[in-house]
């Protein structure tokens, strides 16, 4: 199984709020880590909340932002790695 076949979900201790200009702020209630997502990150975050696999999220981004698969896949992998390190997401069961 590749990383793109996996599903991740927001950590239960993370809350999010939408800001102006399409940004989203994430706050981990336990660690007090604050993280800001741009428009693309916001789309990825919302798709995680919907329960999509990373591959499904990539396909959605390719259509919405007219980017190729490699670019979408690498952007998603980069963000998921960062969010995982900050304990803002976890692998879904």
N, C-alpha and C. Protein backbone atom coordinates (compact mmCIF):
# COMPACT_ATOMS: atom_id res chain seq x y z
N UNK A 1 0.84 -1.19 0.00
CA UNK A 1 0.00 0.00 0.00
C UNK A 1 0.89 1.25 0.00
N UNK A 2 0.60 2.16 -0.89
CA UNK A 2 1.35 3.41 -0.91
C UNK A 2 0.67 4.41 0.02
N UNK A 3 1.39 5.46 0.32
CA UNK A 3 0.83 6.50 1.18
C UNK A 3 -0.47 7.05 0.60
N UNK A 4 -0.55 7.17 -0.72
CA UNK A 4 -1.74 7.75 -1.34
C UNK A 4 -2.98 6.87 -1.23
N UNK A 5 -2.80 5.59 -0.91
CA UNK A 5 -3.94 4.70 -0.71
C UNK A 5 -4.50 4.81 0.70
N UNK A 6 -3.80 5.52 1.57
CA UNK A 6 -4.23 5.62 2.96
C UNK A 6 -5.22 6.75 3.17
N UNK A 7 -5.93 6.63 4.28
CA UNK A 7 -6.82 7.69 4.73
C UNK A 7 -6.24 8.26 6.02
N UNK A 8 -6.23 9.55 6.11
CA UNK A 8 -5.85 10.25 7.32
C UNK A 8 -7.06 11.02 7.79
N UNK A 9 -7.07 11.35 9.06
CA UNK A 9 -8.17 12.15 9.58
C UNK A 9 -7.59 13.16 10.57
N UNK A 10 -8.33 14.23 10.80
CA UNK A 10 -7.87 15.19 11.80
C UNK A 10 -7.75 14.51 13.17
N UNK A 11 -6.74 14.87 13.92
CA UNK A 11 -6.59 14.37 15.28
C UNK A 11 -7.80 14.84 16.09
N UNK A 12 -8.32 14.00 16.99
CA UNK A 12 -9.52 14.39 17.75
C UNK A 12 -9.35 15.66 18.59
N UNK A 13 -8.12 16.01 18.93
CA UNK A 13 -7.88 17.20 19.74
C UNK A 13 -7.68 18.47 18.90
N UNK A 14 -7.90 18.37 17.58
CA UNK A 14 -7.68 19.52 16.69
C UNK A 14 -9.02 20.15 16.32
N UNK A 15 -9.08 21.46 16.45
CA UNK A 15 -10.23 22.23 15.99
C UNK A 15 -9.77 23.12 14.85
N UNK A 16 -10.70 23.46 13.98
CA UNK A 16 -10.34 24.33 12.86
C UNK A 16 -11.36 25.44 12.73
N UNK A 17 -10.91 26.54 12.17
CA UNK A 17 -11.80 27.66 11.89
C UNK A 17 -11.37 28.30 10.59
N UNK A 18 -12.35 28.68 9.80
CA UNK A 18 -12.09 29.31 8.51
C UNK A 18 -11.82 30.80 8.72
N UNK A 19 -10.76 31.27 8.09
CA UNK A 19 -10.40 32.68 8.15
C UNK A 19 -10.73 33.35 6.82
N UNK A 20 -10.45 34.63 6.72
CA UNK A 20 -10.65 35.35 5.46
C UNK A 20 -9.75 34.78 4.37
N UNK A 21 -10.10 35.04 3.12
CA UNK A 21 -9.27 34.66 1.97
C UNK A 21 -9.14 33.15 1.79
N UNK A 22 -10.00 32.34 2.38
CA UNK A 22 -9.95 30.90 2.19
C UNK A 22 -8.97 30.16 3.07
N UNK A 23 -8.30 30.85 3.97
CA UNK A 23 -7.37 30.18 4.88
C UNK A 23 -8.12 29.49 6.00
N UNK A 24 -7.45 28.50 6.60
CA UNK A 24 -8.00 27.80 7.74
C UNK A 24 -6.92 27.75 8.83
N UNK A 25 -7.34 28.01 10.06
CA UNK A 25 -6.44 27.90 11.20
C UNK A 25 -6.77 26.62 11.96
N UNK A 26 -5.72 25.86 12.28
CA UNK A 26 -5.87 24.64 13.07
C UNK A 26 -5.26 24.86 14.44
N UNK A 27 -5.89 24.33 15.46
CA UNK A 27 -5.35 24.43 16.81
C UNK A 27 -5.46 23.07 17.47
N UNK A 28 -4.31 22.55 17.93
CA UNK A 28 -4.29 21.30 18.69
C UNK A 28 -4.52 21.70 20.15
N UNK A 29 -5.66 21.33 20.70
CA UNK A 29 -6.06 21.79 22.03
C UNK A 29 -5.13 21.32 23.14
N UNK A 30 -4.55 20.15 22.99
CA UNK A 30 -3.68 19.61 24.02
C UNK A 30 -2.28 20.23 23.99
N UNK A 31 -1.68 20.28 22.80
CA UNK A 31 -0.30 20.79 22.68
C UNK A 31 -0.24 22.29 22.45
N UNK A 32 -1.37 22.91 22.11
CA UNK A 32 -1.47 24.34 21.80
C UNK A 32 -0.75 24.71 20.51
N UNK A 33 -0.49 23.72 19.63
CA UNK A 33 0.12 23.99 18.34
C UNK A 33 -0.93 24.64 17.45
N UNK A 34 -0.53 25.74 16.83
CA UNK A 34 -1.39 26.48 15.91
C UNK A 34 -0.78 26.35 14.52
N UNK A 35 -1.61 26.11 13.53
CA UNK A 35 -1.13 25.91 12.17
C UNK A 35 -2.10 26.57 11.21
N UNK A 36 -1.58 27.22 10.20
CA UNK A 36 -2.42 27.90 9.22
C UNK A 36 -2.30 27.21 7.87
N UNK A 37 -3.44 27.04 7.19
CA UNK A 37 -3.47 26.42 5.87
C UNK A 37 -3.93 27.42 4.82
N UNK A 38 -3.28 27.40 3.66
CA UNK A 38 -3.72 28.24 2.55
C UNK A 38 -4.92 27.59 1.86
N UNK A 39 -5.34 28.13 0.73
CA UNK A 39 -6.53 27.62 0.04
C UNK A 39 -6.39 26.15 -0.34
N UNK A 40 -5.24 25.78 -0.89
CA UNK A 40 -5.03 24.37 -1.26
C UNK A 40 -5.05 23.49 -0.02
N UNK A 41 -4.37 23.91 1.03
CA UNK A 41 -4.36 23.17 2.29
C UNK A 41 -5.75 23.03 2.87
N UNK A 42 -6.55 24.08 2.72
CA UNK A 42 -7.93 24.04 3.21
C UNK A 42 -8.74 22.98 2.47
N UNK A 43 -8.52 22.89 1.16
CA UNK A 43 -9.23 21.88 0.37
C UNK A 43 -8.82 20.46 0.81
N UNK A 44 -7.54 20.28 1.05
CA UNK A 44 -7.04 18.98 1.51
C UNK A 44 -7.64 18.66 2.88
N UNK A 45 -7.64 19.63 3.78
CA UNK A 45 -8.17 19.44 5.13
C UNK A 45 -9.65 19.04 5.09
N UNK A 46 -10.44 19.75 4.27
CA UNK A 46 -11.86 19.43 4.17
C UNK A 46 -12.07 18.02 3.63
N UNK A 47 -11.25 17.62 2.67
CA UNK A 47 -11.37 16.27 2.11
C UNK A 47 -10.99 15.21 3.13
N UNK A 48 -10.00 15.51 3.99
CA UNK A 48 -9.65 14.58 5.07
C UNK A 48 -10.85 14.40 6.00
N UNK A 49 -11.53 15.50 6.29
CA UNK A 49 -12.70 15.45 7.17
C UNK A 49 -13.84 14.64 6.52
N UNK A 50 -13.86 14.61 5.19
CA UNK A 50 -14.88 13.83 4.47
C UNK A 50 -14.53 12.34 4.41
N UNK A 51 -13.29 11.99 4.80
CA UNK A 51 -12.90 10.59 4.80
C UNK A 51 -12.32 10.08 3.49
N UNK A 52 -11.88 10.97 2.61
CA UNK A 52 -11.32 10.55 1.33
C UNK A 52 -9.90 10.03 1.50
N UNK A 53 -9.50 9.11 0.61
CA UNK A 53 -8.09 8.69 0.59
C UNK A 53 -7.27 9.82 0.00
N UNK A 54 -5.96 9.75 0.20
CA UNK A 54 -5.09 10.78 -0.36
C UNK A 54 -5.14 10.77 -1.89
N UNK A 55 -5.31 9.60 -2.48
CA UNK A 55 -5.44 9.50 -3.95
C UNK A 55 -6.71 10.21 -4.42
N UNK A 56 -7.81 10.02 -3.70
CA UNK A 56 -9.06 10.70 -4.06
C UNK A 56 -8.92 12.21 -3.90
N UNK A 57 -8.21 12.63 -2.89
CA UNK A 57 -7.96 14.06 -2.69
C UNK A 57 -7.12 14.60 -3.84
N UNK A 58 -6.12 13.84 -4.25
CA UNK A 58 -5.27 14.25 -5.37
C UNK A 58 -6.10 14.44 -6.63
N UNK A 59 -6.98 13.50 -6.90
CA UNK A 59 -7.82 13.59 -8.10
C UNK A 59 -8.71 14.83 -8.04
N UNK A 60 -9.21 15.13 -6.87
CA UNK A 60 -10.05 16.32 -6.70
C UNK A 60 -9.24 17.60 -6.95
N UNK A 61 -8.02 17.66 -6.40
CA UNK A 61 -7.17 18.83 -6.60
C UNK A 61 -6.77 19.00 -8.07
N UNK A 62 -6.52 17.88 -8.74
CA UNK A 62 -6.14 17.94 -10.15
C UNK A 62 -7.24 18.61 -10.97
N UNK A 63 -8.49 18.28 -10.67
CA UNK A 63 -9.62 18.87 -11.39
C UNK A 63 -9.82 20.34 -11.01
N UNK A 64 -9.80 20.61 -9.70
CA UNK A 64 -10.12 21.97 -9.23
C UNK A 64 -9.05 22.99 -9.59
N UNK A 65 -7.77 22.59 -9.48
CA UNK A 65 -6.68 23.54 -9.69
C UNK A 65 -5.94 23.31 -11.01
N UNK A 66 -6.40 22.36 -11.83
CA UNK A 66 -5.80 22.07 -13.12
C UNK A 66 -4.28 21.85 -13.00
N UNK A 67 -3.91 20.92 -12.12
CA UNK A 67 -2.50 20.54 -11.95
C UNK A 67 -2.35 19.07 -12.32
N UNK A 68 -1.10 18.68 -12.65
CA UNK A 68 -0.89 17.27 -13.00
C UNK A 68 -0.83 16.41 -11.75
N UNK A 69 -0.91 15.10 -11.96
CA UNK A 69 -0.97 14.14 -10.85
C UNK A 69 0.26 14.21 -9.97
N UNK A 70 1.45 14.31 -10.57
CA UNK A 70 2.68 14.35 -9.78
C UNK A 70 2.71 15.55 -8.84
N UNK A 71 2.30 16.71 -9.35
CA UNK A 71 2.29 17.93 -8.53
C UNK A 71 1.27 17.81 -7.39
N UNK A 72 0.09 17.32 -7.71
CA UNK A 72 -0.95 17.16 -6.68
C UNK A 72 -0.51 16.14 -5.63
N UNK A 73 0.02 15.00 -6.08
CA UNK A 73 0.46 13.95 -5.16
C UNK A 73 1.56 14.46 -4.22
N UNK A 74 2.54 15.17 -4.77
CA UNK A 74 3.65 15.64 -3.93
C UNK A 74 3.19 16.72 -2.96
N UNK A 75 2.28 17.58 -3.38
CA UNK A 75 1.76 18.62 -2.48
C UNK A 75 1.01 17.99 -1.31
N UNK A 76 0.22 16.98 -1.60
CA UNK A 76 -0.55 16.31 -0.56
C UNK A 76 0.39 15.57 0.40
N UNK A 77 1.34 14.83 -0.15
CA UNK A 77 2.28 14.08 0.69
C UNK A 77 3.07 15.01 1.60
N UNK A 78 3.50 16.13 1.06
CA UNK A 78 4.26 17.11 1.84
C UNK A 78 3.42 17.66 3.00
N UNK A 79 2.18 18.04 2.71
CA UNK A 79 1.32 18.59 3.76
C UNK A 79 0.98 17.53 4.80
N UNK A 80 0.66 16.32 4.37
CA UNK A 80 0.30 15.25 5.32
C UNK A 80 1.50 14.93 6.22
N UNK A 81 2.69 14.89 5.66
CA UNK A 81 3.88 14.65 6.48
C UNK A 81 4.05 15.73 7.54
N UNK A 82 3.87 16.98 7.13
CA UNK A 82 3.99 18.10 8.07
C UNK A 82 2.91 18.04 9.16
N UNK A 83 1.67 17.80 8.76
CA UNK A 83 0.57 17.72 9.72
C UNK A 83 0.75 16.53 10.66
N UNK A 84 1.28 15.43 10.14
CA UNK A 84 1.54 14.25 10.99
C UNK A 84 2.61 14.53 12.03
N UNK A 85 3.68 15.20 11.60
CA UNK A 85 4.76 15.54 12.54
C UNK A 85 4.24 16.45 13.65
N UNK A 86 3.31 17.33 13.31
CA UNK A 86 2.74 18.25 14.31
C UNK A 86 1.59 17.62 15.10
N UNK A 87 1.30 16.35 14.80
CA UNK A 87 0.20 15.61 15.44
C UNK A 87 -1.16 16.24 15.23
N UNK A 88 -1.34 16.81 14.04
CA UNK A 88 -2.60 17.42 13.68
C UNK A 88 -3.50 16.45 12.90
N UNK A 89 -2.90 15.40 12.32
CA UNK A 89 -3.67 14.34 11.65
C UNK A 89 -3.13 13.00 12.13
N UNK A 90 -3.93 11.97 11.89
CA UNK A 90 -3.50 10.61 12.21
C UNK A 90 -4.09 9.67 11.15
N UNK A 91 -3.49 8.51 11.01
CA UNK A 91 -4.00 7.53 10.06
C UNK A 91 -5.37 7.07 10.54
N UNK A 92 -6.32 7.04 9.61
CA UNK A 92 -7.68 6.59 9.94
C UNK A 92 -7.70 5.08 10.06
N UNK A 93 -8.49 4.59 10.97
CA UNK A 93 -8.62 3.14 11.18
C UNK A 93 -9.38 2.48 10.06
